[in-house]
């Protein structure tokens, strides 16, 4: 079987990590070879870049600089993790990918979408996910979820990956608009999931779509 790249997208608090872990467990239980990765990150080099981008003390990067850092991490993840796994017929579950750059740096920070597409084409060529789940959630609900999670993990509050979370609500509303536009533009790849449902209902919907793709 050829490998499959499935990406998970959405704003803050949508439950991507939970759903990736649940899908990985379901697929593994049925004998599929699965790996999980994330962006920025996935490699030691990418994780160092992640520290710069998502920690509250990571720096005050311009949107253009963020894109350059993100793609530096992304090309390492694609070439050293994702493509080798796909070549071995594995299913790769990735927490964020190119759509996050379009949503966060494009719709959120206002960078030109055509310029972002040119960067994507230059770095990745025609490489893209096979299936993308966009976990759609009202931004106020999502931010509330993330802050409750941080409060429950107060021992690690100073290491919180909350740089984007702390941007104003209008930024997160732009993110949601961006993700909805991405889903509408590529219905063959993108599945918009109502993430306000309980985690079990979201999991059930995701597994059904994946099973249909694997059939």
C-alpha atoms as a PDB file:
ATOM      1  CA  UNK A   1       0.000   0.000   0.000  1.00  0.00           C
ATOM      2  CA  UNK A   2       1.227   3.488  -0.822  1.00  0.00           C
ATOM      3  CA  UNK A   3       1.773   5.802   2.105  1.00  0.00           C
ATOM      4  CA  UNK A   4      -0.790   8.393   3.118  1.00  0.00           C
ATOM      5  CA  UNK A   5      -0.205  11.866   4.552  1.00  0.00           C
ATOM      6  CA  UNK A   6      -3.058  13.109   6.747  1.00  0.00           C
ATOM      7  CA  UNK A   7      -2.783  16.580   8.246  1.00  0.00           C
ATOM      8  CA  UNK A   8      -4.752  18.160  11.071  1.00  0.00           C
ATOM      9  CA  UNK A   9      -5.464  21.877  11.036  1.00  0.00           C
ATOM     10  CA  UNK A  10      -7.426  24.498  12.932  1.00  0.00           C
ATOM     11  CA  UNK A  11      -7.182  27.334  15.404  1.00  0.00           C
ATOM     12  CA  UNK A  12      -6.266  27.182  19.071  1.00  0.00           C
ATOM     13  CA  UNK A  13      -8.093  24.698  21.284  1.00  0.00           C
ATOM     14  CA  UNK A  14      -9.626  22.623  18.507  1.00  0.00           C
ATOM     15  CA  UNK A  15      -8.328  19.312  19.847  1.00  0.00           C
ATOM     16  CA  UNK A  16      -5.870  18.367  17.118  1.00  0.00           C
ATOM     17  CA  UNK A  17      -3.465  16.543  19.423  1.00  0.00           C
ATOM     18  CA  UNK A  18      -6.263  14.519  21.008  1.00  0.00           C
ATOM     19  CA  UNK A  19      -7.648  13.476  17.632  1.00  0.00           C
ATOM     20  CA  UNK A  20      -4.246  12.603  16.195  1.00  0.00           C
ATOM     21  CA  UNK A  21      -3.543  10.347  19.163  1.00  0.00           C
ATOM     22  CA  UNK A  22      -6.946   8.673  18.909  1.00  0.00           C
ATOM     23  CA  UNK A  23      -6.662   8.101  15.165  1.00  0.00           C
ATOM     24  CA  UNK A  24      -3.134   6.729  15.540  1.00  0.00           C
ATOM     25  CA  UNK A  25      -4.337   4.279  18.196  1.00  0.00           C
ATOM     26  CA  UNK A  26      -7.252   3.158  16.028  1.00  0.00           C
ATOM     27  CA  UNK A  27      -5.086   2.624  12.953  1.00  0.00           C
ATOM     28  CA  UNK A  28      -2.330   0.861  14.878  1.00  0.00           C
ATOM     29  CA  UNK A  29      -4.865  -1.482  16.446  1.00  0.00           C
ATOM     30  CA  UNK A  30      -5.940  -2.527  12.977  1.00  0.00           C
ATOM     31  CA  UNK A  31      -2.435  -3.266  11.794  1.00  0.00           C
ATOM     32  CA  UNK A  32      -1.543  -0.089   9.936  1.00  0.00           C
ATOM     33  CA  UNK A  33       1.943   1.362  10.254  1.00  0.00           C
ATOM     34  CA  UNK A  34       1.536   4.877  11.607  1.00  0.00           C
ATOM     35  CA  UNK A  35       3.860   7.707  12.579  1.00  0.00           C
ATOM     36  CA  UNK A  36       2.944  11.087  14.035  1.00  0.00           C
ATOM     37  CA  UNK A  37       4.766  14.356  13.587  1.00  0.00           C
ATOM     38  CA  UNK A  38       4.105  18.050  14.058  1.00  0.00           C
ATOM     39  CA  UNK A  39       4.935  21.473  12.691  1.00  0.00           C
ATOM     40  CA  UNK A  40       6.949  23.389  13.428  1.00  0.00           C
ATOM     41  CA  UNK A  41       9.021  20.444  14.589  1.00  0.00           C
ATOM     42  CA  UNK A  42       9.347  16.804  13.680  1.00  0.00           C
ATOM     43  CA  UNK A  43      13.150  16.838  13.699  1.00  0.00           C
ATOM     44  CA  UNK A  44      15.683  18.079  16.270  1.00  0.00           C
ATOM     45  CA  UNK A  45      16.335  21.077  14.043  1.00  0.00           C
ATOM     46  CA  UNK A  46      12.629  21.758  13.614  1.00  0.00           C
ATOM     47  CA  UNK A  47      12.027  21.542  17.342  1.00  0.00           C
ATOM     48  CA  UNK A  48      14.644  24.243  17.922  1.00  0.00           C
ATOM     49  CA  UNK A  49      12.809  26.484  15.465  1.00  0.00           C
ATOM     50  CA  UNK A  50       9.525  25.664  17.214  1.00  0.00           C
ATOM     51  CA  UNK A  51      10.966  27.035  20.454  1.00  0.00           C
ATOM     52  CA  UNK A  52      11.574  30.360  18.727  1.00  0.00           C
ATOM     53  CA  UNK A  53       8.109  30.583  17.219  1.00  0.00           C
ATOM     54  CA  UNK A  54       5.617  29.374  19.795  1.00  0.00           C
ATOM     55  CA  UNK A  55       7.065  30.206  23.217  1.00  0.00           C
ATOM     56  CA  UNK A  56       6.088  33.523  24.754  1.00  0.00           C
ATOM     57  CA  UNK A  57       9.776  34.508  25.032  1.00  0.00           C
ATOM     58  CA  UNK A  58      10.663  33.247  21.554  1.00  0.00           C
ATOM     59  CA  UNK A  59      11.060  36.652  19.947  1.00  0.00           C
ATOM     60  CA  UNK A  60       9.077  39.309  18.117  1.00  0.00           C
ATOM     61  CA  UNK A  61       9.280  37.950  14.571  1.00  0.00           C
ATOM     62  CA  UNK A  62       7.755  39.671  11.565  1.00  0.00           C
ATOM     63  CA  UNK A  63       5.244  37.601   9.598  1.00  0.00           C
ATOM     64  CA  UNK A  64       7.731  37.208   6.746  1.00  0.00           C
ATOM     65  CA  UNK A  65      10.419  35.996   9.141  1.00  0.00           C
ATOM     66  CA  UNK A  66       7.958  33.520  10.617  1.00  0.00           C
ATOM     67  CA  UNK A  67       7.346  32.062   7.164  1.00  0.00           C
ATOM     68  CA  UNK A  68      11.065  31.615   6.545  1.00  0.00           C
ATOM     69  CA  UNK A  69      11.547  29.875   9.896  1.00  0.00           C
ATOM     70  CA  UNK A  70       8.489  27.677   9.380  1.00  0.00           C
ATOM     71  CA  UNK A  71       9.646  26.528   5.954  1.00  0.00           C
ATOM     72  CA  UNK A  72      13.158  25.847   7.227  1.00  0.00           C
ATOM     73  CA  UNK A  73      11.619  23.485   9.770  1.00  0.00           C
ATOM     74  CA  UNK A  74       9.118  22.122   7.238  1.00  0.00           C
ATOM     75  CA  UNK A  75      11.644  21.103   4.617  1.00  0.00           C
ATOM     76  CA  UNK A  76      13.575  19.148   7.261  1.00  0.00           C
ATOM     77  CA  UNK A  77      10.413  17.394   8.406  1.00  0.00           C
ATOM     78  CA  UNK A  78       9.309  16.562   4.869  1.00  0.00           C
ATOM     79  CA  UNK A  79      12.663  15.288   3.664  1.00  0.00           C
ATOM     80  CA  UNK A  80      13.815  13.452   6.792  1.00  0.00           C
ATOM     81  CA  UNK A  81      10.560  12.220   8.328  1.00  0.00           C
ATOM     82  CA  UNK A  82       7.488  12.395   6.112  1.00  0.00           C
ATOM     83  CA  UNK A  83       8.773  11.310   2.706  1.00  0.00           C
ATOM     84  CA  UNK A  84      10.823   8.363   4.041  1.00  0.00           C
ATOM     85  CA  UNK A  85       7.779   7.135   5.988  1.00  0.00           C
ATOM     86  CA  UNK A  86       5.511   7.452   2.950  1.00  0.00           C
ATOM     87  CA  UNK A  87       8.047   5.552   0.850  1.00  0.00           C
ATOM     88  CA  UNK A  88       7.708   2.668   3.324  1.00  0.00           C
ATOM     89  CA  UNK A  89       3.923   2.667   2.979  1.00  0.00           C
ATOM     90  CA  UNK A  90       3.246   4.233   6.367  1.00  0.00           C
ATOM     91  CA  UNK A  91       0.385   6.536   7.307  1.00  0.00           C
ATOM     92  CA  UNK A  92       1.748   9.878   8.493  1.00  0.00           C
ATOM     93  CA  UNK A  93      -0.377  12.011  10.812  1.00  0.00           C
ATOM     94  CA  UNK A  94       0.923  15.570  10.960  1.00  0.00           C
ATOM     95  CA  UNK A  95      -0.204  18.225  13.432  1.00  0.00           C
ATOM     96  CA  UNK A  96      -0.282  21.298  11.136  1.00  0.00           C
ATOM     97  CA  UNK A  97       1.228  21.713   7.678  1.00  0.00           C
ATOM     98  CA  UNK A  98       1.048  24.244   4.842  1.00  0.00           C
ATOM     99  CA  UNK A  99      -2.537  25.298   5.567  1.00  0.00           C
ATOM    100  CA  UNK A 100      -1.427  26.643   8.945  1.00  0.00           C
ATOM    101  CA  UNK A 101       1.005  28.970   7.198  1.00  0.00           C
ATOM    102  CA  UNK A 102      -1.736  30.182   4.868  1.00  0.00           C
ATOM    103  CA  UNK A 103      -4.133  30.703   7.769  1.00  0.00           C
ATOM    104  CA  UNK A 104      -1.792  32.185  10.386  1.00  0.00           C
ATOM    105  CA  UNK A 105       0.640  34.221   8.307  1.00  0.00           C
ATOM    106  CA  UNK A 106      -1.710  34.863   5.380  1.00  0.00           C
ATOM    107  CA  UNK A 107      -5.196  35.428   6.731  1.00  0.00           C
ATOM    108  CA  UNK A 108      -4.099  36.187  10.294  1.00  0.00           C
ATOM    109  CA  UNK A 109      -1.126  38.474   9.686  1.00  0.00           C
ATOM    110  CA  UNK A 110      -2.178  39.690   6.254  1.00  0.00           C
ATOM    111  CA  UNK A 111       0.666  38.408   4.081  1.00  0.00           C
ATOM    112  CA  UNK A 112      -0.055  38.145   0.367  1.00  0.00           C
ATOM    113  CA  UNK A 113      -1.529  34.725  -0.364  1.00  0.00           C
ATOM    114  CA  UNK A 114       0.089  34.511  -3.803  1.00  0.00           C
ATOM    115  CA  UNK A 115       3.515  35.188  -2.272  1.00  0.00           C
ATOM    116  CA  UNK A 116       2.918  32.427   0.278  1.00  0.00           C
ATOM    117  CA  UNK A 117       1.946  30.065  -2.518  1.00  0.00           C
ATOM    118  CA  UNK A 118       5.155  30.886  -4.383  1.00  0.00           C
ATOM    119  CA  UNK A 119       7.210  30.062  -1.290  1.00  0.00           C
ATOM    120  CA  UNK A 120       5.313  26.798  -0.896  1.00  0.00           C
ATOM    121  CA  UNK A 121       5.874  25.851  -4.533  1.00  0.00           C
ATOM    122  CA  UNK A 122       9.563  26.750  -4.333  1.00  0.00           C
ATOM    123  CA  UNK A 123      10.174  24.640  -1.229  1.00  0.00           C
ATOM    124  CA  UNK A 124       7.756  21.731  -1.677  1.00  0.00           C
ATOM    125  CA  UNK A 125       6.923  21.648  -5.376  1.00  0.00           C
ATOM    126  CA  UNK A 126       3.751  19.618  -5.874  1.00  0.00           C
ATOM    127  CA  UNK A 127       4.063  17.757  -2.567  1.00  0.00           C
ATOM    128  CA  UNK A 128       0.864  18.076  -0.524  1.00  0.00           C
ATOM    129  CA  UNK A 129      -1.279  16.149   1.976  1.00  0.00           C
ATOM    130  CA  UNK A 130      -3.607  13.421   0.779  1.00  0.00           C
ATOM    131  CA  UNK A 131      -6.276  14.332   3.325  1.00  0.00           C
ATOM    132  CA  UNK A 132      -6.674  17.281   5.687  1.00  0.00           C
ATOM    133  CA  UNK A 133      -9.000  17.608   8.656  1.00  0.00           C
ATOM    134  CA  UNK A 134      -9.780  21.181   9.661  1.00  0.00           C
ATOM    135  CA  UNK A 135     -11.177  21.270  13.181  1.00  0.00           C
ATOM    136  CA  UNK A 136     -13.524  24.248  13.105  1.00  0.00           C
ATOM    137  CA  UNK A 137     -14.322  26.006  16.377  1.00  0.00           C
ATOM    138  CA  UNK A 138     -15.506  29.401  17.545  1.00  0.00           C
ATOM    139  CA  UNK A 139     -12.317  31.249  18.580  1.00  0.00           C
ATOM    140  CA  UNK A 140     -13.656  32.298  21.978  1.00  0.00           C
ATOM    141  CA  UNK A 141     -14.445  28.687  22.823  1.00  0.00           C
ATOM    142  CA  UNK A 142     -11.037  27.547  21.570  1.00  0.00           C
ATOM    143  CA  UNK A 143      -9.079  30.114  23.560  1.00  0.00           C
ATOM    144  CA  UNK A 144     -11.129  29.249  26.623  1.00  0.00           C
ATOM    145  CA  UNK A 145     -10.180  25.592  26.230  1.00  0.00           C
ATOM    146  CA  UNK A 146      -6.476  26.342  25.950  1.00  0.00           C
ATOM    147  CA  UNK A 147      -6.480  28.610  28.990  1.00  0.00           C
ATOM    148  CA  UNK A 148      -8.278  26.031  31.091  1.00  0.00           C
ATOM    149  CA  UNK A 149      -5.718  23.475  30.007  1.00  0.00           C
ATOM    150  CA  UNK A 150      -2.873  25.769  31.030  1.00  0.00           C
ATOM    151  CA  UNK A 151      -4.504  26.455  34.394  1.00  0.00           C
ATOM    152  CA  UNK A 152      -4.681  22.715  35.013  1.00  0.00           C
ATOM    153  CA  UNK A 153      -0.973  22.428  34.198  1.00  0.00           C
ATOM    154  CA  UNK A 154       0.244  25.419  36.174  1.00  0.00           C
ATOM    155  CA  UNK A 155       3.642  23.850  36.896  1.00  0.00           C
ATOM    156  CA  UNK A 156       4.545  24.328  33.238  1.00  0.00           C
ATOM    157  CA  UNK A 157       2.955  27.717  32.698  1.00  0.00           C
ATOM    158  CA  UNK A 158       6.290  29.411  31.971  1.00  0.00           C
ATOM    159  CA  UNK A 159       6.932  26.924  29.179  1.00  0.00           C
ATOM    160  CA  UNK A 160       3.490  27.376  27.601  1.00  0.00           C
ATOM    161  CA  UNK A 161       3.321  27.451  23.818  1.00  0.00           C
ATOM    162  CA  UNK A 162       1.032  30.455  23.970  1.00  0.00           C
ATOM    163  CA  UNK A 163       2.589  33.101  21.722  1.00  0.00           C
ATOM    164  CA  UNK A 164      -0.189  32.824  19.144  1.00  0.00           C
ATOM    165  CA  UNK A 165      -2.884  32.125  21.700  1.00  0.00           C
ATOM    166  CA  UNK A 166      -2.217  35.507  23.319  1.00  0.00           C
ATOM    167  CA  UNK A 167      -2.897  37.463  20.128  1.00  0.00           C
ATOM    168  CA  UNK A 168      -6.181  39.372  20.147  1.00  0.00           C
ATOM    169  CA  UNK A 169      -9.498  37.761  19.298  1.00  0.00           C
ATOM    170  CA  UNK A 170      -9.714  39.449  15.886  1.00  0.00           C
ATOM    171  CA  UNK A 171      -6.590  37.544  14.818  1.00  0.00           C
ATOM    172  CA  UNK A 172      -8.207  34.231  15.750  1.00  0.00           C
ATOM    173  CA  UNK A 173     -11.400  35.181  13.944  1.00  0.00           C
ATOM    174  CA  UNK A 174      -9.339  35.821  10.808  1.00  0.00           C
ATOM    175  CA  UNK A 175      -7.765  32.378  11.269  1.00  0.00           C
ATOM    176  CA  UNK A 176     -11.162  30.734  11.306  1.00  0.00           C
ATOM    177  CA  UNK A 177     -12.214  32.621   8.175  1.00  0.00           C
ATOM    178  CA  UNK A 178      -9.001  31.529   6.488  1.00  0.00           C
ATOM    179  CA  UNK A 179      -9.430  27.874   7.330  1.00  0.00           C
ATOM    180  CA  UNK A 180     -13.017  27.924   6.125  1.00  0.00           C
ATOM    181  CA  UNK A 181     -11.872  29.467   2.842  1.00  0.00           C
ATOM    182  CA  UNK A 182      -9.188  26.790   2.445  1.00  0.00           C
ATOM    183  CA  UNK A 183     -11.755  24.043   3.015  1.00  0.00           C
ATOM    184  CA  UNK A 184     -14.111  25.575   0.484  1.00  0.00           C
ATOM    185  CA  UNK A 185     -11.357  25.944  -2.124  1.00  0.00           C
ATOM    186  CA  UNK A 186     -10.141  22.327  -1.835  1.00  0.00           C
ATOM    187  CA  UNK A 187     -13.123  20.111  -0.966  1.00  0.00           C
ATOM    188  CA  UNK A 188     -11.435  17.033  -2.401  1.00  0.00           C
ATOM    189  CA  UNK A 189      -8.650  17.232   0.175  1.00  0.00           C
ATOM    190  CA  UNK A 190     -10.072  19.173   3.102  1.00  0.00           C
ATOM    191  CA  UNK A 191     -12.763  18.010   5.510  1.00  0.00           C
ATOM    192  CA  UNK A 192     -14.252  20.635   7.825  1.00  0.00           C
ATOM    193  CA  UNK A 193     -15.147  19.074  11.179  1.00  0.00           C
ATOM    194  CA  UNK A 194     -17.300  20.734  13.855  1.00  0.00           C
ATOM    195  CA  UNK A 195     -14.875  20.700  16.791  1.00  0.00           C
ATOM    196  CA  UNK A 196     -17.463  22.003  19.256  1.00  0.00           C
ATOM    197  CA  UNK A 197     -18.775  18.440  19.504  1.00  0.00           C
ATOM    198  CA  UNK A 198     -17.469  16.120  22.196  1.00  0.00           C
ATOM    199  CA  UNK A 199     -14.160  14.432  21.392  1.00  0.00           C
ATOM    200  CA  UNK A 200     -15.815  11.048  20.790  1.00  0.00           C
ATOM    201  CA  UNK A 201     -18.107  12.410  18.087  1.00  0.00           C
ATOM    202  CA  UNK A 202     -15.199  14.158  16.372  1.00  0.00           C
ATOM    203  CA  UNK A 203     -13.145  10.967  16.523  1.00  0.00           C
ATOM    204  CA  UNK A 204     -15.954   8.925  14.983  1.00  0.00           C
ATOM    205  CA  UNK A 205     -16.328  11.342  12.071  1.00  0.00           C
ATOM    206  CA  UNK A 206     -12.577  11.402  11.393  1.00  0.00           C
ATOM    207  CA  UNK A 207     -12.216   7.619  11.475  1.00  0.00           C
ATOM    208  CA  UNK A 208     -15.097   7.238   9.014  1.00  0.00           C
ATOM    209  CA  UNK A 209     -13.444   9.576   6.497  1.00  0.00           C
ATOM    210  CA  UNK A 210     -10.090   7.845   6.889  1.00  0.00           C
ATOM    211  CA  UNK A 211     -11.628   4.377   6.500  1.00  0.00           C
ATOM    212  CA  UNK A 212     -13.372   5.545   3.332  1.00  0.00           C
ATOM    213  CA  UNK A 213     -10.042   6.766   1.956  1.00  0.00           C
ATOM    214  CA  UNK A 214      -8.289   3.505   2.858  1.00  0.00           C
ATOM    215  CA  UNK A 215     -11.014   1.287   1.406  1.00  0.00           C
END
